[in-house]
């Protein structure tokens, strides 16, 4: 189901593990790329250069140089949040322009990584780790 375009922005959702990112992408000519995550600049919210590059990856893959992206992200850890933001931005780009789908699909940015933590089972220490056992 395509996202509705409310006036200027395109709202989408990106997910990874327990992290959920709500994205609002707006095309603005001549303004450069401006990303805010939870009311902070993305460089402040994601302090590591590697994380910053992963957030910008969908925009760089399609050659966007002018966009305003407002992001609300919650749940999970910082790495899961980074991946959720990248997934959400990629989905927003496709919602605005369907022709970008093939480019983003080749980069692997549209695929939802569905791996989540396995639950702990009763009688075990962790999901699969059994208690230590001694034969004698």
N, C-alpha and C. Protein backbone atom coordinates (compact mmCIF):
# COMPACT_ATOMS: atom_id res chain seq x y z
N UNK A 1 0.84 -1.17 0.00
CA UNK A 1 0.00 0.00 0.00
C UNK A 1 0.89 1.24 0.00
N UNK A 2 0.78 2.12 -0.99
CA UNK A 2 1.64 3.30 -1.04
C UNK A 2 1.27 4.30 0.04
N UNK A 3 2.29 5.02 0.51
CA UNK A 3 2.06 6.03 1.54
C UNK A 3 1.38 7.25 0.92
N UNK A 4 0.49 7.87 1.68
CA UNK A 4 -0.19 9.06 1.18
C UNK A 4 0.75 10.26 1.31
N UNK A 5 0.67 11.15 0.35
CA UNK A 5 1.51 12.34 0.40
C UNK A 5 0.68 13.48 0.98
N UNK A 6 1.00 13.89 2.21
CA UNK A 6 0.29 14.98 2.86
C UNK A 6 0.99 16.28 2.51
N UNK A 7 0.36 17.08 1.66
CA UNK A 7 0.92 18.34 1.20
C UNK A 7 2.33 18.15 0.66
N UNK A 8 3.35 18.30 1.52
CA UNK A 8 4.72 18.26 1.04
C UNK A 8 5.46 16.97 1.39
N UNK A 9 5.18 16.39 2.54
CA UNK A 9 6.01 15.28 3.00
C UNK A 9 5.38 13.91 2.74
N UNK A 10 6.27 12.90 2.71
CA UNK A 10 5.85 11.52 2.53
C UNK A 10 6.14 10.76 3.82
N UNK A 11 5.12 10.27 4.54
CA UNK A 11 5.36 9.53 5.77
C UNK A 11 5.54 8.03 5.51
N UNK A 12 6.54 7.44 6.13
CA UNK A 12 6.75 5.99 6.05
C UNK A 12 7.28 5.48 7.39
N UNK A 13 7.39 4.17 7.49
CA UNK A 13 7.90 3.52 8.70
C UNK A 13 8.98 2.54 8.29
N UNK A 14 10.09 2.53 9.03
CA UNK A 14 11.16 1.55 8.84
C UNK A 14 11.35 0.77 10.13
N UNK A 15 11.69 -0.51 10.01
CA UNK A 15 11.85 -1.35 11.20
C UNK A 15 13.10 -2.20 11.11
N UNK A 16 13.65 -2.52 12.29
CA UNK A 16 14.77 -3.45 12.41
C UNK A 16 14.83 -3.90 13.86
N UNK A 17 14.85 -5.22 14.09
CA UNK A 17 14.80 -5.79 15.44
C UNK A 17 13.61 -5.18 16.18
N UNK A 18 13.84 -4.51 17.30
CA UNK A 18 12.74 -3.88 18.05
C UNK A 18 12.62 -2.39 17.75
N UNK A 19 13.48 -1.86 16.91
CA UNK A 19 13.48 -0.43 16.62
C UNK A 19 12.46 -0.08 15.53
N UNK A 20 11.78 1.04 15.73
CA UNK A 20 10.80 1.54 14.77
C UNK A 20 11.14 3.00 14.47
N UNK A 21 11.24 3.34 13.20
CA UNK A 21 11.54 4.71 12.79
C UNK A 21 10.39 5.24 11.94
N UNK A 22 9.84 6.38 12.36
CA UNK A 22 8.78 7.05 11.59
C UNK A 22 9.44 8.19 10.83
N UNK A 23 9.32 8.14 9.50
CA UNK A 23 10.04 9.05 8.61
C UNK A 23 9.07 10.02 7.95
N UNK A 24 9.48 11.27 7.83
CA UNK A 24 8.80 12.28 7.01
C UNK A 24 9.84 12.85 6.07
N UNK A 25 9.69 12.55 4.78
CA UNK A 25 10.65 13.00 3.77
C UNK A 25 10.03 14.10 2.93
N UNK A 26 10.76 15.22 2.81
CA UNK A 26 10.30 16.34 1.99
C UNK A 26 11.38 16.69 0.98
N UNK A 27 11.00 16.87 -0.27
CA UNK A 27 11.93 17.33 -1.31
C UNK A 27 11.99 18.85 -1.25
N UNK A 28 13.19 19.38 -1.11
CA UNK A 28 13.39 20.83 -1.10
C UNK A 28 14.56 21.16 -2.02
N UNK A 29 14.34 21.97 -3.01
CA UNK A 29 15.40 22.33 -3.97
C UNK A 29 16.35 23.36 -3.33
N UNK A 30 17.65 23.10 -3.50
CA UNK A 30 18.67 24.05 -3.08
C UNK A 30 18.88 24.20 -1.59
N UNK A 31 18.34 23.29 -0.79
CA UNK A 31 18.47 23.40 0.66
C UNK A 31 19.52 22.44 1.23
N UNK A 32 19.98 21.47 0.44
CA UNK A 32 20.90 20.46 0.96
C UNK A 32 20.14 19.38 1.73
N UNK A 33 20.88 18.44 2.28
CA UNK A 33 20.25 17.37 3.06
C UNK A 33 20.22 17.79 4.53
N UNK A 34 19.04 17.79 5.12
CA UNK A 34 18.88 18.14 6.53
C UNK A 34 18.12 17.00 7.21
N UNK A 35 18.81 16.28 8.09
CA UNK A 35 18.19 15.18 8.82
C UNK A 35 18.11 15.51 10.29
N UNK A 36 16.92 15.33 10.87
CA UNK A 36 16.77 15.47 12.32
C UNK A 36 16.19 14.17 12.86
N UNK A 37 16.81 13.67 13.93
CA UNK A 37 16.35 12.43 14.57
C UNK A 37 15.96 12.78 16.00
N UNK A 38 14.69 12.57 16.34
CA UNK A 38 14.17 12.90 17.67
C UNK A 38 14.55 14.33 18.08
N UNK A 39 14.30 15.28 17.19
CA UNK A 39 14.55 16.71 17.42
C UNK A 39 16.03 17.07 17.55
N UNK A 40 16.95 16.15 17.23
CA UNK A 40 18.38 16.44 17.25
C UNK A 40 18.94 16.24 15.85
N UNK A 41 20.08 16.87 15.57
CA UNK A 41 20.75 16.64 14.30
C UNK A 41 21.22 15.19 14.26
N UNK A 42 21.18 14.56 13.09
CA UNK A 42 21.52 13.14 13.01
C UNK A 42 22.96 12.86 13.43
N UNK A 43 23.87 13.84 13.25
CA UNK A 43 25.27 13.64 13.66
C UNK A 43 25.41 13.63 15.17
N UNK A 44 24.51 14.31 15.85
CA UNK A 44 24.51 14.32 17.31
C UNK A 44 23.86 13.04 17.85
N UNK A 45 22.78 12.59 17.20
CA UNK A 45 22.05 11.41 17.67
C UNK A 45 22.83 10.12 17.37
N UNK A 46 23.44 10.06 16.18
CA UNK A 46 24.27 8.91 15.81
C UNK A 46 25.72 9.39 15.74
N UNK A 47 26.49 9.27 16.85
CA UNK A 47 27.80 9.91 16.93
C UNK A 47 28.89 9.27 16.06
N UNK A 48 28.74 8.01 15.68
CA UNK A 48 29.79 7.34 14.92
C UNK A 48 29.63 7.58 13.43
N UNK A 49 30.75 7.82 12.76
CA UNK A 49 30.75 8.12 11.32
C UNK A 49 30.11 6.98 10.52
N UNK A 50 30.38 5.75 10.92
CA UNK A 50 29.83 4.58 10.22
C UNK A 50 28.29 4.59 10.27
N UNK A 51 27.73 4.95 11.42
CA UNK A 51 26.28 5.03 11.55
C UNK A 51 25.72 6.16 10.69
N UNK A 52 26.41 7.30 10.67
CA UNK A 52 25.97 8.44 9.86
C UNK A 52 25.94 8.07 8.39
N UNK A 53 26.95 7.33 7.94
CA UNK A 53 27.01 6.91 6.54
C UNK A 53 25.86 5.95 6.21
N UNK A 54 25.52 5.06 7.15
CA UNK A 54 24.43 4.12 6.91
C UNK A 54 23.08 4.84 6.81
N UNK A 55 22.91 5.91 7.59
CA UNK A 55 21.68 6.69 7.54
C UNK A 55 21.55 7.39 6.19
N UNK A 56 22.66 7.91 5.67
CA UNK A 56 22.65 8.64 4.40
C UNK A 56 22.69 7.72 3.17
N UNK A 57 22.95 6.44 3.37
CA UNK A 57 23.12 5.51 2.24
C UNK A 57 21.97 5.51 1.23
N UNK A 58 20.69 5.48 1.66
CA UNK A 58 19.61 5.49 0.66
C UNK A 58 19.60 6.77 -0.18
N UNK A 59 19.87 7.91 0.46
CA UNK A 59 19.88 9.18 -0.27
C UNK A 59 21.04 9.24 -1.26
N UNK A 60 22.20 8.73 -0.85
CA UNK A 60 23.36 8.73 -1.75
C UNK A 60 23.18 7.75 -2.90
N UNK A 61 22.51 6.62 -2.64
CA UNK A 61 22.32 5.60 -3.67
C UNK A 61 21.51 6.13 -4.85
N UNK A 62 20.57 7.03 -4.57
CA UNK A 62 19.72 7.57 -5.65
C UNK A 62 20.16 8.97 -6.07
N UNK A 63 21.21 9.50 -5.44
CA UNK A 63 21.75 10.79 -5.84
C UNK A 63 20.98 11.99 -5.34
N UNK A 64 20.28 11.86 -4.21
CA UNK A 64 19.55 13.00 -3.65
C UNK A 64 20.55 13.92 -2.95
N UNK A 65 20.49 15.21 -3.26
CA UNK A 65 21.34 16.18 -2.57
C UNK A 65 20.51 17.25 -1.86
N UNK A 66 19.20 17.26 -2.12
CA UNK A 66 18.30 18.23 -1.50
C UNK A 66 17.10 17.51 -0.91
N UNK A 67 17.07 17.39 0.42
CA UNK A 67 15.94 16.75 1.09
C UNK A 67 15.93 17.15 2.56
N UNK A 68 14.74 17.26 3.10
CA UNK A 68 14.58 17.47 4.54
C UNK A 68 13.90 16.22 5.08
N UNK A 69 14.56 15.57 6.05
CA UNK A 69 14.05 14.33 6.61
C UNK A 69 13.87 14.51 8.11
N UNK A 70 12.64 14.32 8.57
CA UNK A 70 12.34 14.39 9.99
C UNK A 70 12.05 12.96 10.46
N UNK A 71 12.75 12.53 11.51
CA UNK A 71 12.68 11.13 11.95
C UNK A 71 12.35 11.07 13.44
N UNK A 72 11.41 10.20 13.79
CA UNK A 72 11.13 9.85 15.18
C UNK A 72 11.45 8.36 15.29
N UNK A 73 12.40 8.03 16.16
CA UNK A 73 12.80 6.63 16.29
C UNK A 73 12.72 6.22 17.75
N UNK A 74 12.25 4.99 17.99
CA UNK A 74 12.15 4.49 19.36
C UNK A 74 12.34 2.98 19.35
N UNK A 75 12.68 2.45 20.53
CA UNK A 75 12.84 1.00 20.69
C UNK A 75 14.19 0.52 20.21
N UNK A 76 14.58 -0.63 20.71
CA UNK A 76 15.83 -1.25 20.27
C UNK A 76 17.06 -0.49 20.72
N UNK A 77 18.20 -0.90 20.16
CA UNK A 77 19.47 -0.24 20.47
C UNK A 77 19.87 0.69 19.34
N UNK A 78 21.02 1.33 19.49
CA UNK A 78 21.43 2.31 18.48
C UNK A 78 21.65 1.72 17.09
N UNK A 79 22.24 0.53 17.00
CA UNK A 79 22.49 -0.07 15.68
C UNK A 79 21.18 -0.47 15.00
N UNK A 80 20.24 -1.01 15.76
CA UNK A 80 18.93 -1.33 15.21
C UNK A 80 18.20 -0.08 14.76
N UNK A 81 18.37 1.01 15.50
CA UNK A 81 17.74 2.27 15.12
C UNK A 81 18.33 2.81 13.82
N UNK A 82 19.64 2.69 13.66
CA UNK A 82 20.30 3.13 12.41
C UNK A 82 19.71 2.38 11.22
N UNK A 83 19.61 1.06 11.35
CA UNK A 83 19.08 0.25 10.25
C UNK A 83 17.60 0.55 9.99
N UNK A 84 16.84 0.82 11.06
CA UNK A 84 15.43 1.16 10.90
C UNK A 84 15.27 2.48 10.16
N UNK A 85 16.12 3.45 10.47
CA UNK A 85 16.08 4.76 9.79
C UNK A 85 16.41 4.60 8.32
N UNK A 86 17.46 3.84 8.00
CA UNK A 86 17.84 3.63 6.60
C UNK A 86 16.72 2.94 5.83
N UNK A 87 16.09 1.95 6.45
CA UNK A 87 14.97 1.23 5.82
C UNK A 87 13.80 2.18 5.57
N UNK A 88 13.49 3.02 6.54
CA UNK A 88 12.38 3.96 6.40
C UNK A 88 12.63 5.02 5.34
N UNK A 89 13.86 5.54 5.26
CA UNK A 89 14.19 6.54 4.24
C UNK A 89 14.07 5.93 2.85
N UNK A 90 14.55 4.69 2.70
CA UNK A 90 14.45 4.01 1.40
C UNK A 90 12.99 3.84 0.99
N UNK A 91 12.15 3.46 1.94
CA UNK A 91 10.72 3.29 1.63
C UNK A 91 10.06 4.63 1.28
N UNK A 92 10.49 5.71 1.93
CA UNK A 92 9.95 7.03 1.62
C UNK A 92 10.34 7.48 0.22
N UNK A 93 11.58 7.19 -0.17
CA UNK A 93 12.04 7.55 -1.52
C UNK A 93 11.22 6.82 -2.58
N UNK A 94 10.93 5.54 -2.34
CA UNK A 94 10.13 4.76 -3.29
C UNK A 94 8.69 5.27 -3.33
N UNK A 95 8.17 5.69 -2.17
CA UNK A 95 6.80 6.23 -2.14
C UNK A 95 6.70 7.51 -2.96
N UNK A 96 7.78 8.29 -2.99
CA UNK A 96 7.78 9.53 -3.78
C UNK A 96 8.01 9.26 -5.26
N UNK A 97 8.92 8.31 -5.57
CA UNK A 97 9.27 8.04 -6.96
C UNK A 97 9.47 6.54 -7.14
N UNK A 98 8.52 5.88 -7.77
CA UNK A 98 8.53 4.42 -7.95
C UNK A 98 9.72 3.94 -8.78
N UNK A 99 10.30 4.80 -9.61
CA UNK A 99 11.43 4.41 -10.46
C UNK A 99 12.69 4.12 -9.66
N UNK A 100 12.76 4.60 -8.43
CA UNK A 100 13.94 4.39 -7.58
C UNK A 100 13.96 3.00 -6.96
N UNK A 101 12.85 2.26 -7.08
CA UNK A 101 12.74 0.95 -6.45
C UNK A 101 13.86 -0.01 -6.86
N UNK A 102 14.16 -0.09 -8.16
CA UNK A 102 15.18 -1.05 -8.63
C UNK A 102 16.56 -0.71 -8.07
N UNK A 103 16.90 0.58 -8.04
CA UNK A 103 18.20 1.01 -7.51
C UNK A 103 18.32 0.66 -6.03
N UNK A 104 17.29 0.98 -5.26
CA UNK A 104 17.34 0.71 -3.83
C UNK A 104 17.25 -0.78 -3.52
N UNK A 105 16.54 -1.53 -4.35
CA UNK A 105 16.45 -2.99 -4.17
C UNK A 105 17.82 -3.63 -4.38
N UNK A 106 18.56 -3.17 -5.40
CA UNK A 106 19.90 -3.71 -5.66
C UNK A 106 20.85 -3.43 -4.50
N UNK A 107 20.68 -2.28 -3.86
CA UNK A 107 21.51 -1.92 -2.71
C UNK A 107 21.08 -2.68 -1.45
N UNK A 108 19.92 -3.35 -1.49
CA UNK A 108 19.43 -4.11 -0.35
C UNK A 108 18.79 -3.25 0.73
N UNK A 109 18.35 -2.05 0.36
CA UNK A 109 17.82 -1.12 1.35
C UNK A 109 16.31 -1.25 1.56
N UNK A 110 15.62 -1.94 0.68
CA UNK A 110 14.17 -2.09 0.82
C UNK A 110 13.78 -3.37 1.55
N UNK A 111 14.72 -4.27 1.74
CA UNK A 111 14.42 -5.55 2.37
C UNK A 111 14.40 -5.39 3.89
N UNK A 112 13.31 -5.78 4.50
CA UNK A 112 13.19 -5.73 5.96
C UNK A 112 13.95 -6.91 6.54
N UNK A 113 14.95 -6.64 7.36
CA UNK A 113 15.73 -7.69 8.00
C UNK A 113 14.89 -8.23 9.16
N UNK A 114 14.30 -9.41 8.96
CA UNK A 114 13.30 -9.92 9.91
C UNK A 114 13.91 -10.71 11.06
N UNK A 115 15.24 -10.75 11.17
CA UNK A 115 15.85 -11.50 12.27
C UNK A 115 15.62 -10.76 13.58
N UNK A 116 15.01 -11.45 14.54
CA UNK A 116 14.78 -10.86 15.85
C UNK A 116 15.30 -11.82 16.91
N UNK A 117 15.42 -11.33 18.14
CA UNK A 117 15.94 -12.14 19.23
C UNK A 117 15.02 -13.31 19.51
N UNK A 118 15.62 -14.49 19.65
CA UNK A 118 14.84 -15.70 19.96
C UNK A 118 14.49 -15.70 21.45
N UNK A 119 13.30 -16.13 21.77
CA UNK A 119 12.86 -16.09 23.17
C UNK A 119 13.57 -17.14 24.02
N UNK A 120 13.69 -16.87 25.32
CA UNK A 120 14.27 -17.82 26.25
C UNK A 120 13.26 -18.92 26.53
N UNK A 121 13.75 -20.17 26.53
CA UNK A 121 12.88 -21.32 26.79
C UNK A 121 13.00 -21.75 28.25
N UNK A 122 11.92 -22.28 28.84
CA UNK A 122 12.00 -22.76 30.22
C UNK A 122 12.95 -23.95 30.33
N UNK A 123 13.71 -23.98 31.41
CA UNK A 123 14.65 -25.07 31.63
C UNK A 123 16.01 -24.81 31.00
N UNK A 124 16.14 -23.74 30.23
CA UNK A 124 17.42 -23.37 29.62
C UNK A 124 17.88 -22.04 30.21
N UNK A 125 19.20 -21.77 30.09
CA UNK A 125 19.73 -20.52 30.63
C UNK A 125 19.45 -19.34 29.71
N UNK A 126 19.50 -19.61 28.40
CA UNK A 126 19.19 -18.59 27.40
C UNK A 126 18.27 -19.23 26.37
N UNK A 127 18.23 -18.73 25.16
CA UNK A 127 17.34 -19.29 24.15
C UNK A 127 17.71 -20.73 23.82
N UNK A 128 19.01 -21.01 23.73
CA UNK A 128 19.45 -22.38 23.39
C UNK A 128 20.49 -22.92 24.36
N UNK A 129 21.06 -22.07 25.19
CA UNK A 129 22.12 -22.47 26.10
C UNK A 129 21.54 -23.27 27.25
N UNK A 130 21.93 -24.56 27.32
CA UNK A 130 21.45 -25.45 28.39
C UNK A 130 22.33 -25.27 29.63
N UNK A 131 21.81 -25.63 30.81
CA UNK A 131 22.66 -25.58 32.00
C UNK A 131 23.81 -26.57 31.89
N UNK A 132 24.90 -26.27 32.59
CA UNK A 132 26.06 -27.16 32.53
C UNK A 132 25.67 -28.54 33.05
N UNK A 133 26.17 -29.56 32.38
CA UNK A 133 25.79 -30.93 32.68
C UNK A 133 27.05 -31.75 32.92
N UNK A 134 27.06 -32.53 34.00
CA UNK A 134 28.22 -33.36 34.31
C UNK A 134 27.81 -34.82 34.25
N UNK A 135 28.57 -35.59 33.50
CA UNK A 135 28.24 -37.01 33.34
C UNK A 135 28.47 -37.77 34.65
N UNK A 136 29.53 -37.42 35.38
CA UNK A 136 29.83 -38.12 36.64
C UNK A 136 29.94 -37.16 37.79
